[in-house]
């Protein structure tokens, strides 16, 4: 087996179990994260940008997610933890393929797609892995619907 510099460093790190020191739980960061979350109701990645711009503080999205989980405002999604068993399809540009549930296929929409040369990709109903954008919108609504008086208010906000 050929050893190079990178492999040697990896072996040393494994033997010594060297890792970056953990940053302690910071109550000031927690207050900023909770305040920003109640104000915007964003996820960790969007909150990272908002906190950096508004509060002039850099907190990584992983730490923000940790604080939100500790406060009960977020939880791990088990569907994001599992390994995917498929490969995404490729297309020329984002509007060259249309996602639609197979039971909604017949009708005017089918003719509209054919008229503009959009290739439909039929999927099973309520299958968020393949119909991600639409399912994500409704998933976000289900998570935050208690904070809005109507669906229209939610759509206007997001």
Protein backbone atom coordinates (compact mmCIF):
# COMPACT_ATOMS: atom_id res chain seq x y z
CA UNK A 1 0.00 0.00 0.00
CA UNK A 2 1.38 3.37 -1.02
CA UNK A 3 1.35 6.03 1.69
CA UNK A 4 1.15 9.68 0.86
CA UNK A 5 1.11 12.70 3.16
CA UNK A 6 -2.68 12.90 3.28
CA UNK A 7 -3.06 9.22 4.22
CA UNK A 8 -0.49 9.60 7.01
CA UNK A 9 -2.36 12.58 8.46
CA UNK A 10 -5.58 10.59 8.32
CA UNK A 11 -3.99 7.66 10.19
CA UNK A 12 -2.60 9.98 12.89
CA UNK A 13 -5.97 11.69 13.31
CA UNK A 14 -7.72 8.33 13.62
CA UNK A 15 -5.25 7.09 16.23
CA UNK A 16 -5.38 10.25 18.34
CA UNK A 17 -9.08 10.87 17.68
CA UNK A 18 -8.27 14.51 16.97
CA UNK A 19 -11.22 16.69 16.07
CA UNK A 20 -12.19 20.31 16.16
CA UNK A 21 -13.05 21.42 19.71
CA UNK A 22 -16.77 21.83 20.33
CA UNK A 23 -17.96 25.40 20.79
CA UNK A 24 -19.91 25.72 24.04
CA UNK A 25 -23.65 26.40 24.13
CA UNK A 26 -24.01 30.20 23.99
CA UNK A 27 -27.13 31.72 25.57
CA UNK A 28 -26.70 34.98 23.61
CA UNK A 29 -26.77 33.03 20.34
CA UNK A 30 -29.84 31.13 21.54
CA UNK A 31 -31.69 34.39 22.21
CA UNK A 32 -30.80 35.75 18.77
CA UNK A 33 -31.87 32.53 17.03
CA UNK A 34 -35.21 32.32 18.86
CA UNK A 35 -35.94 36.01 18.27
CA UNK A 36 -35.12 35.68 14.55
CA UNK A 37 -37.20 32.49 14.27
CA UNK A 38 -40.28 34.06 15.87
CA UNK A 39 -39.89 37.07 13.60
CA UNK A 40 -39.30 35.24 10.27
CA UNK A 41 -40.24 31.56 10.80
CA UNK A 42 -37.43 30.44 8.51
CA UNK A 43 -35.43 27.24 8.62
CA UNK A 44 -31.80 27.17 9.74
CA UNK A 45 -30.23 28.01 6.36
CA UNK A 46 -32.40 31.07 5.74
CA UNK A 47 -32.04 32.16 9.38
CA UNK A 48 -28.27 32.04 8.98
CA UNK A 49 -28.45 34.74 6.29
CA UNK A 50 -31.04 36.82 8.15
CA UNK A 51 -29.06 36.74 11.40
CA UNK A 52 -25.86 37.68 9.61
CA UNK A 53 -27.52 40.67 7.90
CA UNK A 54 -29.76 41.95 10.69
CA UNK A 55 -27.95 41.03 13.91
CA UNK A 56 -24.41 41.23 12.44
CA UNK A 57 -23.58 37.86 14.00
CA UNK A 58 -22.25 34.78 12.23
CA UNK A 59 -23.89 31.58 13.44
CA UNK A 60 -23.65 28.50 11.25
CA UNK A 61 -26.86 26.85 10.12
CA UNK A 62 -25.86 23.67 11.95
CA UNK A 63 -25.65 25.57 15.24
CA UNK A 64 -28.91 27.37 14.49
CA UNK A 65 -30.58 24.00 13.87
CA UNK A 66 -29.09 22.70 17.14
CA UNK A 67 -30.53 25.68 19.07
CA UNK A 68 -33.92 25.33 17.37
CA UNK A 69 -34.04 21.61 18.21
CA UNK A 70 -33.10 22.32 21.83
CA UNK A 71 -35.90 24.90 22.03
CA UNK A 72 -38.45 22.56 20.48
CA UNK A 73 -38.86 24.72 17.37
CA UNK A 74 -37.36 22.18 14.96
CA UNK A 75 -36.85 18.44 14.78
CA UNK A 76 -34.86 16.02 12.69
CA UNK A 77 -36.65 14.76 9.61
CA UNK A 78 -36.17 10.98 9.41
CA UNK A 79 -36.83 11.07 5.65
CA UNK A 80 -33.72 13.20 5.17
CA UNK A 81 -31.54 10.76 7.10
CA UNK A 82 -32.10 7.73 4.90
CA UNK A 83 -30.18 6.89 1.76
CA UNK A 84 -31.98 7.56 -1.51
CA UNK A 85 -32.43 4.60 -3.86
CA UNK A 86 -32.78 6.47 -7.14
CA UNK A 87 -30.86 8.76 -9.45
CA UNK A 88 -32.39 12.04 -10.51
CA UNK A 89 -33.28 12.45 -14.14
CA UNK A 90 -31.52 15.00 -16.32
CA UNK A 91 -33.13 17.64 -18.50
CA UNK A 92 -32.04 20.60 -20.62
CA UNK A 93 -33.56 23.27 -18.37
CA UNK A 94 -35.96 23.43 -15.43
CA UNK A 95 -39.12 23.97 -17.47
CA UNK A 96 -38.52 21.20 -19.99
CA UNK A 97 -40.12 18.67 -17.66
CA UNK A 98 -43.31 18.98 -15.62
CA UNK A 99 -44.09 17.10 -12.41
CA UNK A 100 -47.68 16.07 -11.97
CA UNK A 101 -49.50 13.42 -10.01
CA UNK A 102 -50.62 10.60 -12.34
CA UNK A 103 -54.31 10.95 -11.41
CA UNK A 104 -54.35 14.61 -12.53
CA UNK A 105 -53.01 13.83 -15.97
CA UNK A 106 -56.09 13.94 -18.22
CA UNK A 107 -57.65 17.23 -19.27
CA UNK A 108 -56.67 20.71 -20.39
CA UNK A 109 -53.35 20.58 -18.58
CA UNK A 110 -52.18 17.68 -20.76
CA UNK A 111 -52.99 19.64 -23.92
CA UNK A 112 -51.26 22.73 -22.55
CA UNK A 113 -48.04 20.79 -21.91
CA UNK A 114 -48.13 19.20 -25.35
CA UNK A 115 -48.73 22.58 -26.98
CA UNK A 116 -45.54 24.02 -25.48
CA UNK A 117 -43.45 20.87 -25.89
CA UNK A 118 -43.08 20.18 -22.18
CA UNK A 119 -42.35 16.55 -21.46
CA UNK A 120 -44.48 15.37 -18.52
CA UNK A 121 -42.99 13.14 -15.86
CA UNK A 122 -45.79 11.20 -14.23
CA UNK A 123 -45.27 10.34 -10.59
CA UNK A 124 -47.20 8.62 -7.88
CA UNK A 125 -49.50 10.77 -5.80
CA UNK A 126 -48.12 12.21 -2.54
CA UNK A 127 -44.56 11.14 -3.28
CA UNK A 128 -42.48 14.08 -1.99
CA UNK A 129 -39.15 12.69 -3.17
CA UNK A 130 -40.13 13.18 -6.81
CA UNK A 131 -42.59 16.05 -6.51
CA UNK A 132 -40.41 18.09 -4.19
CA UNK A 133 -41.28 21.73 -4.85
CA UNK A 134 -45.03 21.42 -4.48
CA UNK A 135 -44.87 18.96 -1.61
CA UNK A 136 -42.35 21.23 0.16
CA UNK A 137 -44.75 24.20 -0.02
CA UNK A 138 -47.55 22.18 1.53
CA UNK A 139 -45.18 20.68 4.09
CA UNK A 140 -44.11 24.16 5.19
CA UNK A 141 -47.73 25.24 5.39
CA UNK A 142 -48.60 22.25 7.56
CA UNK A 143 -45.69 23.07 9.91
CA UNK A 144 -46.49 26.79 10.22
CA UNK A 145 -50.25 26.98 9.63
CA UNK A 146 -50.95 27.79 13.28
CA UNK A 147 -49.08 31.10 12.84
CA UNK A 148 -51.30 32.31 9.97
CA UNK A 149 -55.02 33.04 9.81
CA UNK A 150 -55.41 31.74 6.24
CA UNK A 151 -53.58 29.93 3.45
CA UNK A 152 -53.54 33.16 1.41
CA UNK A 153 -51.70 34.95 4.24
CA UNK A 154 -49.15 32.13 4.29
CA UNK A 155 -48.64 32.32 0.50
CA UNK A 156 -48.27 36.11 0.66
CA UNK A 157 -45.64 35.76 3.39
CA UNK A 158 -43.61 33.13 1.58
